[in-house]
């Protein structure tokens, strides 16, 4: 159902932007607005910061990877699209531990104490606190 009100889309899928014939296997389960952007988490276990004012500063949190972000206009809609993929570094032949969630992200919270903290939870009950 289209409302005609779609102005901006965040696209992290490897399928062509705004494609309806190749649906993504993943979905967003949690999101939180913050300052100049939006933090999302979902079934791909990735936590993303989408910078709405400076898209090049968008990123996937807690992983090493080669990601890039660009904005393009498609069918009258501004699309902020992610491309690239994550990789794990090895040191001395040993696999480094990712700090990402291992199950889909279910909730995102920002808490202000003496510093601002990002708190996330996932489907297997793990809660992570990010500085």
N, C-alpha and C. Protein backbone atom coordinates (compact mmCIF):
# COMPACT_ATOMS: atom_id res chain seq x y z
N UNK A 1 0.85 -1.17 0.00
CA UNK A 1 0.00 0.00 0.00
C UNK A 1 0.90 1.24 0.00
N UNK A 2 0.75 2.07 -0.96
CA UNK A 2 1.53 3.30 -1.07
C UNK A 2 0.66 4.49 -0.64
N UNK A 3 1.23 5.34 0.18
CA UNK A 3 0.49 6.52 0.63
C UNK A 3 0.85 7.75 -0.19
N UNK A 4 1.91 7.65 -0.97
CA UNK A 4 2.37 8.82 -1.71
C UNK A 4 3.19 9.76 -0.86
N UNK A 5 3.42 9.39 0.41
CA UNK A 5 4.13 10.25 1.35
C UNK A 5 5.57 9.83 1.61
N UNK A 6 6.07 8.86 0.87
CA UNK A 6 7.43 8.39 1.11
C UNK A 6 8.42 9.41 0.54
N UNK A 7 9.30 9.96 1.42
CA UNK A 7 10.26 10.96 1.00
C UNK A 7 11.69 10.44 1.08
N UNK A 8 11.97 9.60 2.06
CA UNK A 8 13.33 9.12 2.26
C UNK A 8 13.30 7.65 2.67
N UNK A 9 14.26 6.87 2.14
CA UNK A 9 14.35 5.44 2.41
C UNK A 9 15.78 5.11 2.82
N UNK A 10 15.92 4.28 3.84
CA UNK A 10 17.23 3.75 4.23
C UNK A 10 17.31 2.34 3.69
N UNK A 11 18.36 2.03 2.90
CA UNK A 11 18.42 0.76 2.19
C UNK A 11 19.73 0.05 2.49
N UNK A 12 19.67 -1.03 3.29
CA UNK A 12 20.87 -1.79 3.64
C UNK A 12 20.93 -3.13 2.91
N UNK A 13 19.97 -3.42 2.10
CA UNK A 13 19.90 -4.68 1.39
C UNK A 13 20.82 -4.69 0.17
N UNK A 14 21.29 -5.89 -0.20
CA UNK A 14 22.11 -5.99 -1.41
C UNK A 14 21.25 -6.04 -2.67
N UNK A 15 19.94 -6.13 -2.51
CA UNK A 15 19.05 -6.10 -3.67
C UNK A 15 18.97 -4.67 -4.21
N UNK A 16 18.59 -4.51 -5.46
CA UNK A 16 18.49 -3.16 -6.02
C UNK A 16 17.55 -2.28 -5.18
N UNK A 17 17.94 -1.02 -5.01
CA UNK A 17 17.15 -0.10 -4.18
C UNK A 17 15.72 -0.01 -4.66
N UNK A 18 14.79 -0.04 -3.73
CA UNK A 18 13.34 0.03 -3.94
C UNK A 18 12.79 -1.15 -4.74
N UNK A 19 13.55 -2.24 -4.81
CA UNK A 19 13.11 -3.43 -5.53
C UNK A 19 11.99 -4.13 -4.77
N UNK A 20 10.92 -4.46 -5.47
CA UNK A 20 9.85 -5.25 -4.85
C UNK A 20 9.85 -6.68 -5.38
N UNK A 21 10.58 -6.93 -6.45
CA UNK A 21 10.62 -8.28 -7.03
C UNK A 21 11.65 -9.17 -6.33
N UNK A 22 12.61 -8.57 -5.60
CA UNK A 22 13.63 -9.33 -4.88
C UNK A 22 13.60 -8.90 -3.41
N UNK A 23 12.64 -9.40 -2.63
CA UNK A 23 12.54 -8.95 -1.25
C UNK A 23 13.74 -9.38 -0.42
N UNK A 24 14.09 -8.58 0.56
CA UNK A 24 15.20 -8.88 1.47
C UNK A 24 14.78 -9.98 2.44
N UNK A 25 15.73 -10.76 2.89
CA UNK A 25 15.48 -11.79 3.89
C UNK A 25 15.44 -11.19 5.30
N UNK A 26 15.87 -9.93 5.44
CA UNK A 26 15.99 -9.30 6.75
C UNK A 26 15.03 -8.13 6.92
N UNK A 27 14.79 -7.78 8.20
CA UNK A 27 13.94 -6.64 8.48
C UNK A 27 14.44 -5.91 9.72
N UNK A 28 14.01 -4.67 9.87
CA UNK A 28 14.35 -3.86 11.03
C UNK A 28 13.35 -4.19 12.13
N UNK A 29 13.86 -4.47 13.34
CA UNK A 29 13.01 -4.80 14.49
C UNK A 29 13.03 -3.71 15.55
N UNK A 30 14.06 -2.84 15.52
CA UNK A 30 14.18 -1.79 16.53
C UNK A 30 14.81 -0.56 15.91
N UNK A 31 14.37 0.62 16.35
CA UNK A 31 14.99 1.86 15.87
C UNK A 31 14.86 2.95 16.93
N UNK A 32 15.81 3.89 16.87
CA UNK A 32 15.83 5.00 17.84
C UNK A 32 16.39 6.23 17.15
N UNK A 33 15.65 7.34 17.21
CA UNK A 33 16.13 8.61 16.68
C UNK A 33 17.17 9.19 17.64
N UNK A 34 18.21 9.78 17.08
CA UNK A 34 19.24 10.40 17.91
C UNK A 34 19.89 11.54 17.13
N UNK A 35 19.89 12.72 17.68
CA UNK A 35 20.57 13.86 17.07
C UNK A 35 20.33 13.98 15.58
N UNK A 36 21.37 13.70 14.80
CA UNK A 36 21.29 13.86 13.35
C UNK A 36 20.97 12.58 12.61
N UNK A 37 20.55 11.54 13.33
CA UNK A 37 20.34 10.29 12.63
C UNK A 37 19.39 9.32 13.29
N UNK A 38 19.48 8.10 12.82
CA UNK A 38 18.62 7.02 13.26
C UNK A 38 19.49 5.79 13.49
N UNK A 39 19.27 5.11 14.61
CA UNK A 39 19.97 3.86 14.90
C UNK A 39 18.97 2.74 14.66
N UNK A 40 19.36 1.72 13.88
CA UNK A 40 18.47 0.60 13.60
C UNK A 40 19.16 -0.72 13.95
N UNK A 41 18.35 -1.70 14.25
CA UNK A 41 18.83 -3.07 14.48
C UNK A 41 17.77 -4.02 14.00
N UNK A 42 18.20 -5.21 13.57
CA UNK A 42 17.20 -6.13 13.04
C UNK A 42 17.65 -7.56 12.96
N UNK A 43 17.03 -8.28 12.04
CA UNK A 43 17.24 -9.71 11.93
C UNK A 43 18.60 -10.09 11.36
N UNK A 44 19.34 -9.14 10.79
CA UNK A 44 20.70 -9.45 10.30
C UNK A 44 21.74 -9.28 11.41
N UNK A 45 21.30 -9.00 12.64
CA UNK A 45 22.15 -8.86 13.84
C UNK A 45 23.07 -7.66 13.78
N UNK A 46 22.84 -6.74 12.87
CA UNK A 46 23.69 -5.56 12.73
C UNK A 46 23.01 -4.34 13.32
N UNK A 47 23.82 -3.53 13.98
CA UNK A 47 23.38 -2.27 14.55
C UNK A 47 23.95 -1.17 13.65
N UNK A 48 23.06 -0.36 13.08
CA UNK A 48 23.50 0.66 12.13
C UNK A 48 23.17 2.06 12.64
N UNK A 49 24.08 2.99 12.36
CA UNK A 49 23.80 4.40 12.58
C UNK A 49 23.67 5.04 11.21
N UNK A 50 22.51 5.56 10.90
CA UNK A 50 22.23 6.24 9.64
C UNK A 50 22.29 7.74 9.91
N UNK A 51 23.30 8.43 9.39
CA UNK A 51 23.44 9.87 9.57
C UNK A 51 22.64 10.56 8.47
N UNK A 52 21.55 11.18 8.87
CA UNK A 52 20.64 11.78 7.90
C UNK A 52 21.15 13.10 7.32
N UNK A 53 22.02 13.81 8.06
CA UNK A 53 22.54 15.08 7.56
C UNK A 53 23.85 14.91 6.81
N UNK A 54 24.62 13.88 7.14
CA UNK A 54 25.88 13.61 6.44
C UNK A 54 25.98 12.10 6.21
N UNK A 55 25.34 11.58 5.15
CA UNK A 55 25.27 10.14 4.91
C UNK A 55 26.61 9.41 4.90
N UNK A 56 27.69 10.08 4.49
CA UNK A 56 29.01 9.43 4.45
C UNK A 56 29.49 9.03 5.84
N UNK A 57 28.92 9.63 6.90
CA UNK A 57 29.29 9.28 8.27
C UNK A 57 28.42 8.17 8.86
N UNK A 58 27.56 7.58 8.06
CA UNK A 58 26.76 6.44 8.50
C UNK A 58 27.70 5.25 8.68
N UNK A 59 27.30 4.27 9.51
CA UNK A 59 28.19 3.13 9.76
C UNK A 59 27.44 1.95 10.37
N UNK A 60 28.09 0.78 10.32
CA UNK A 60 27.64 -0.40 11.04
C UNK A 60 28.48 -0.45 12.30
N UNK A 61 27.83 -0.49 13.47
CA UNK A 61 28.55 -0.46 14.75
C UNK A 61 29.01 -1.86 15.14
N UNK A 62 30.19 -1.94 15.75
CA UNK A 62 30.66 -3.19 16.33
C UNK A 62 31.23 -4.20 15.37
N UNK A 63 31.66 -3.77 14.20
CA UNK A 63 32.24 -4.71 13.24
C UNK A 63 33.29 -4.03 12.39
N UNK A 64 34.19 -4.81 11.89
CA UNK A 64 35.13 -4.32 10.89
C UNK A 64 34.49 -4.59 9.54
N UNK A 65 34.58 -3.66 8.66
CA UNK A 65 33.99 -3.88 7.35
C UNK A 65 34.32 -2.77 6.40
N UNK A 66 33.97 -2.99 5.18
CA UNK A 66 34.20 -2.02 4.13
C UNK A 66 32.83 -1.56 3.64
N UNK A 67 32.24 -0.63 4.37
CA UNK A 67 30.92 -0.12 4.04
C UNK A 67 31.02 1.30 3.50
N UNK A 68 30.15 1.60 2.57
CA UNK A 68 30.05 2.98 2.09
C UNK A 68 28.57 3.32 1.97
N UNK A 69 28.29 4.61 2.01
CA UNK A 69 26.90 5.08 1.99
C UNK A 69 26.81 6.22 0.99
N UNK A 70 25.73 6.21 0.23
CA UNK A 70 25.50 7.31 -0.71
C UNK A 70 24.01 7.55 -0.84
N UNK A 71 23.68 8.76 -1.20
CA UNK A 71 22.29 9.15 -1.38
C UNK A 71 22.03 9.32 -2.87
N UNK A 72 20.92 8.77 -3.32
CA UNK A 72 20.51 8.96 -4.71
C UNK A 72 19.00 9.15 -4.76
N UNK A 73 18.55 9.75 -5.82
CA UNK A 73 17.13 9.99 -6.01
C UNK A 73 16.59 8.92 -6.96
N UNK A 74 15.62 8.14 -6.48
CA UNK A 74 15.02 7.08 -7.29
C UNK A 74 13.50 7.26 -7.25
N UNK A 75 12.92 7.44 -8.42
CA UNK A 75 11.47 7.61 -8.54
C UNK A 75 10.92 8.67 -7.58
N UNK A 76 11.64 9.77 -7.42
CA UNK A 76 11.22 10.86 -6.57
C UNK A 76 11.45 10.65 -5.08
N UNK A 77 12.13 9.56 -4.72
CA UNK A 77 12.41 9.26 -3.32
C UNK A 77 13.90 9.31 -3.07
N UNK A 78 14.32 10.01 -2.01
CA UNK A 78 15.72 10.06 -1.64
C UNK A 78 16.08 8.74 -0.93
N UNK A 79 17.04 8.01 -1.50
CA UNK A 79 17.43 6.71 -0.97
C UNK A 79 18.86 6.80 -0.42
N UNK A 80 19.02 6.52 0.88
CA UNK A 80 20.34 6.43 1.50
C UNK A 80 20.69 4.95 1.48
N UNK A 81 21.66 4.58 0.63
CA UNK A 81 21.97 3.18 0.38
C UNK A 81 23.32 2.77 0.92
N UNK A 82 23.34 1.61 1.59
CA UNK A 82 24.57 1.03 2.12
C UNK A 82 25.09 0.01 1.11
N UNK A 83 26.41 -0.01 0.93
CA UNK A 83 27.02 -1.06 0.11
C UNK A 83 28.30 -1.51 0.80
N UNK A 84 28.73 -2.71 0.51
CA UNK A 84 29.92 -3.28 1.13
C UNK A 84 29.55 -4.46 2.00
N UNK A 85 30.55 -5.00 2.69
CA UNK A 85 30.29 -6.13 3.57
C UNK A 85 31.28 -6.15 4.71
N UNK A 86 30.90 -6.88 5.77
CA UNK A 86 31.77 -6.97 6.95
C UNK A 86 32.78 -8.09 6.75
N UNK A 87 33.86 -7.99 7.49
CA UNK A 87 34.86 -9.05 7.51
C UNK A 87 35.46 -9.10 8.90
N UNK A 88 35.95 -10.24 9.26
CA UNK A 88 36.58 -10.39 10.57
C UNK A 88 38.09 -10.41 10.38
N UNK A 89 38.77 -9.63 11.19
CA UNK A 89 40.22 -9.59 11.17
C UNK A 89 40.77 -10.83 11.87
N UNK A 90 41.93 -11.27 11.43
CA UNK A 90 42.60 -12.35 12.14
C UNK A 90 43.95 -11.85 12.61
N UNK A 91 44.33 -12.28 13.78
CA UNK A 91 45.65 -11.97 14.31
C UNK A 91 46.32 -13.28 14.65
N UNK A 92 47.49 -13.54 14.10
CA UNK A 92 48.23 -14.78 14.35
C UNK A 92 47.37 -16.00 14.05
N UNK A 93 46.56 -15.93 13.01
CA UNK A 93 45.74 -17.06 12.62
C UNK A 93 44.51 -17.29 13.48
N UNK A 94 44.26 -16.43 14.46
CA UNK A 94 43.10 -16.59 15.33
C UNK A 94 42.01 -15.62 14.92
N UNK A 95 40.80 -16.09 14.97
CA UNK A 95 39.66 -15.27 14.61
C UNK A 95 39.32 -14.33 15.75
N UNK A 96 39.19 -13.04 15.45
CA UNK A 96 38.80 -12.07 16.48
C UNK A 96 37.31 -12.17 16.76
N UNK A 97 36.93 -11.90 17.98
CA UNK A 97 35.53 -11.94 18.37
C UNK A 97 34.85 -10.65 17.92
N UNK A 98 33.70 -10.80 17.26
CA UNK A 98 32.88 -9.65 16.91
C UNK A 98 32.18 -9.14 18.16
N UNK A 99 31.95 -7.85 18.23
CA UNK A 99 31.19 -7.32 19.35
C UNK A 99 29.71 -7.15 18.97
N UNK A 100 29.36 -7.54 17.75
CA UNK A 100 27.97 -7.48 17.32
C UNK A 100 27.14 -8.52 18.06
N UNK A 101 25.85 -8.34 18.00
CA UNK A 101 24.93 -9.34 18.53
C UNK A 101 24.99 -10.60 17.67
N UNK A 102 24.68 -11.74 18.27
CA UNK A 102 24.67 -13.00 17.55
C UNK A 102 23.26 -13.45 17.18
N UNK A 103 22.25 -12.72 17.67
CA UNK A 103 20.86 -13.00 17.33
C UNK A 103 20.21 -11.65 16.97
N UNK A 104 19.01 -11.69 16.41
CA UNK A 104 18.42 -10.45 15.92
C UNK A 104 18.14 -9.46 17.05
N UNK A 105 18.37 -8.20 16.73
CA UNK A 105 18.27 -7.10 17.69
C UNK A 105 16.81 -6.74 17.89
N UNK A 106 16.39 -6.72 19.17
CA UNK A 106 14.97 -6.51 19.48
C UNK A 106 14.65 -5.14 20.06
N UNK A 107 15.66 -4.46 20.66
CA UNK A 107 15.36 -3.18 21.28
C UNK A 107 16.61 -2.31 21.34
N UNK A 108 16.39 -1.01 21.29
CA UNK A 108 17.47 -0.01 21.35
C UNK A 108 17.02 1.09 22.32
N UNK A 109 17.92 1.48 23.20
CA UNK A 109 17.62 2.52 24.18
C UNK A 109 18.85 3.42 24.32
N UNK A 110 18.64 4.70 24.48
CA UNK A 110 19.73 5.64 24.76
C UNK A 110 19.52 6.14 26.18
N UNK A 111 20.56 5.98 27.03
CA UNK A 111 20.49 6.41 28.43
C UNK A 111 21.53 7.49 28.67
N UNK A 112 21.13 8.53 29.39
CA UNK A 112 22.04 9.61 29.72
C UNK A 112 22.39 9.51 31.20
N UNK A 113 23.66 9.23 31.48
CA UNK A 113 24.16 9.26 32.85
C UNK A 113 25.22 10.34 32.87
N UNK A 114 26.40 10.07 33.38
CA UNK A 114 27.49 11.04 33.25
C UNK A 114 27.99 11.06 31.82
N UNK A 115 27.60 10.05 31.05
CA UNK A 115 27.88 10.00 29.62
C UNK A 115 26.68 9.39 28.91
N UNK A 116 26.63 9.53 27.60
CA UNK A 116 25.52 8.96 26.85
C UNK A 116 25.85 7.51 26.52
N UNK A 117 24.91 6.59 26.81
CA UNK A 117 25.10 5.17 26.56
C UNK A 117 24.04 4.66 25.61
N UNK A 118 24.43 3.76 24.72
CA UNK A 118 23.51 3.07 23.84
C UNK A 118 23.36 1.66 24.39
N UNK A 119 22.13 1.24 24.65
CA UNK A 119 21.86 -0.08 25.21
C UNK A 119 21.01 -0.84 24.21
N UNK A 120 21.46 -2.06 23.86
CA UNK A 120 20.74 -2.88 22.89
C UNK A 120 20.49 -4.26 23.48
N UNK A 121 19.43 -4.90 23.02
CA UNK A 121 19.14 -6.26 23.43
C UNK A 121 18.81 -7.09 22.20
N UNK A 122 19.01 -8.41 22.34
CA UNK A 122 18.70 -9.28 21.21
C UNK A 122 17.80 -10.43 21.63
N UNK A 123 17.40 -11.22 20.66
CA UNK A 123 16.41 -12.26 20.84
C UNK A 123 16.86 -13.38 21.79
N UNK A 124 18.17 -13.59 21.97
CA UNK A 124 18.61 -14.64 22.88
C UNK A 124 18.87 -14.10 24.29
N UNK A 125 18.46 -12.85 24.57
CA UNK A 125 18.53 -12.29 25.92
C UNK A 125 19.79 -11.51 26.24
N UNK A 126 20.70 -11.37 25.29
CA UNK A 126 21.94 -10.62 25.52
C UNK A 126 21.64 -9.12 25.51
N UNK A 127 22.16 -8.42 26.51
CA UNK A 127 22.05 -6.95 26.58
C UNK A 127 23.46 -6.40 26.47
N UNK A 128 23.65 -5.44 25.57
CA UNK A 128 24.96 -4.81 25.37
C UNK A 128 24.86 -3.33 25.67
N UNK A 129 25.89 -2.80 26.31
CA UNK A 129 25.99 -1.37 26.61
C UNK A 129 27.16 -0.83 25.80
N UNK A 130 26.87 0.17 24.96
CA UNK A 130 27.86 0.77 24.06
C UNK A 130 28.15 2.18 24.55
N UNK A 131 29.46 2.52 24.59
CA UNK A 131 29.86 3.89 24.97
C UNK A 131 29.99 4.74 23.74
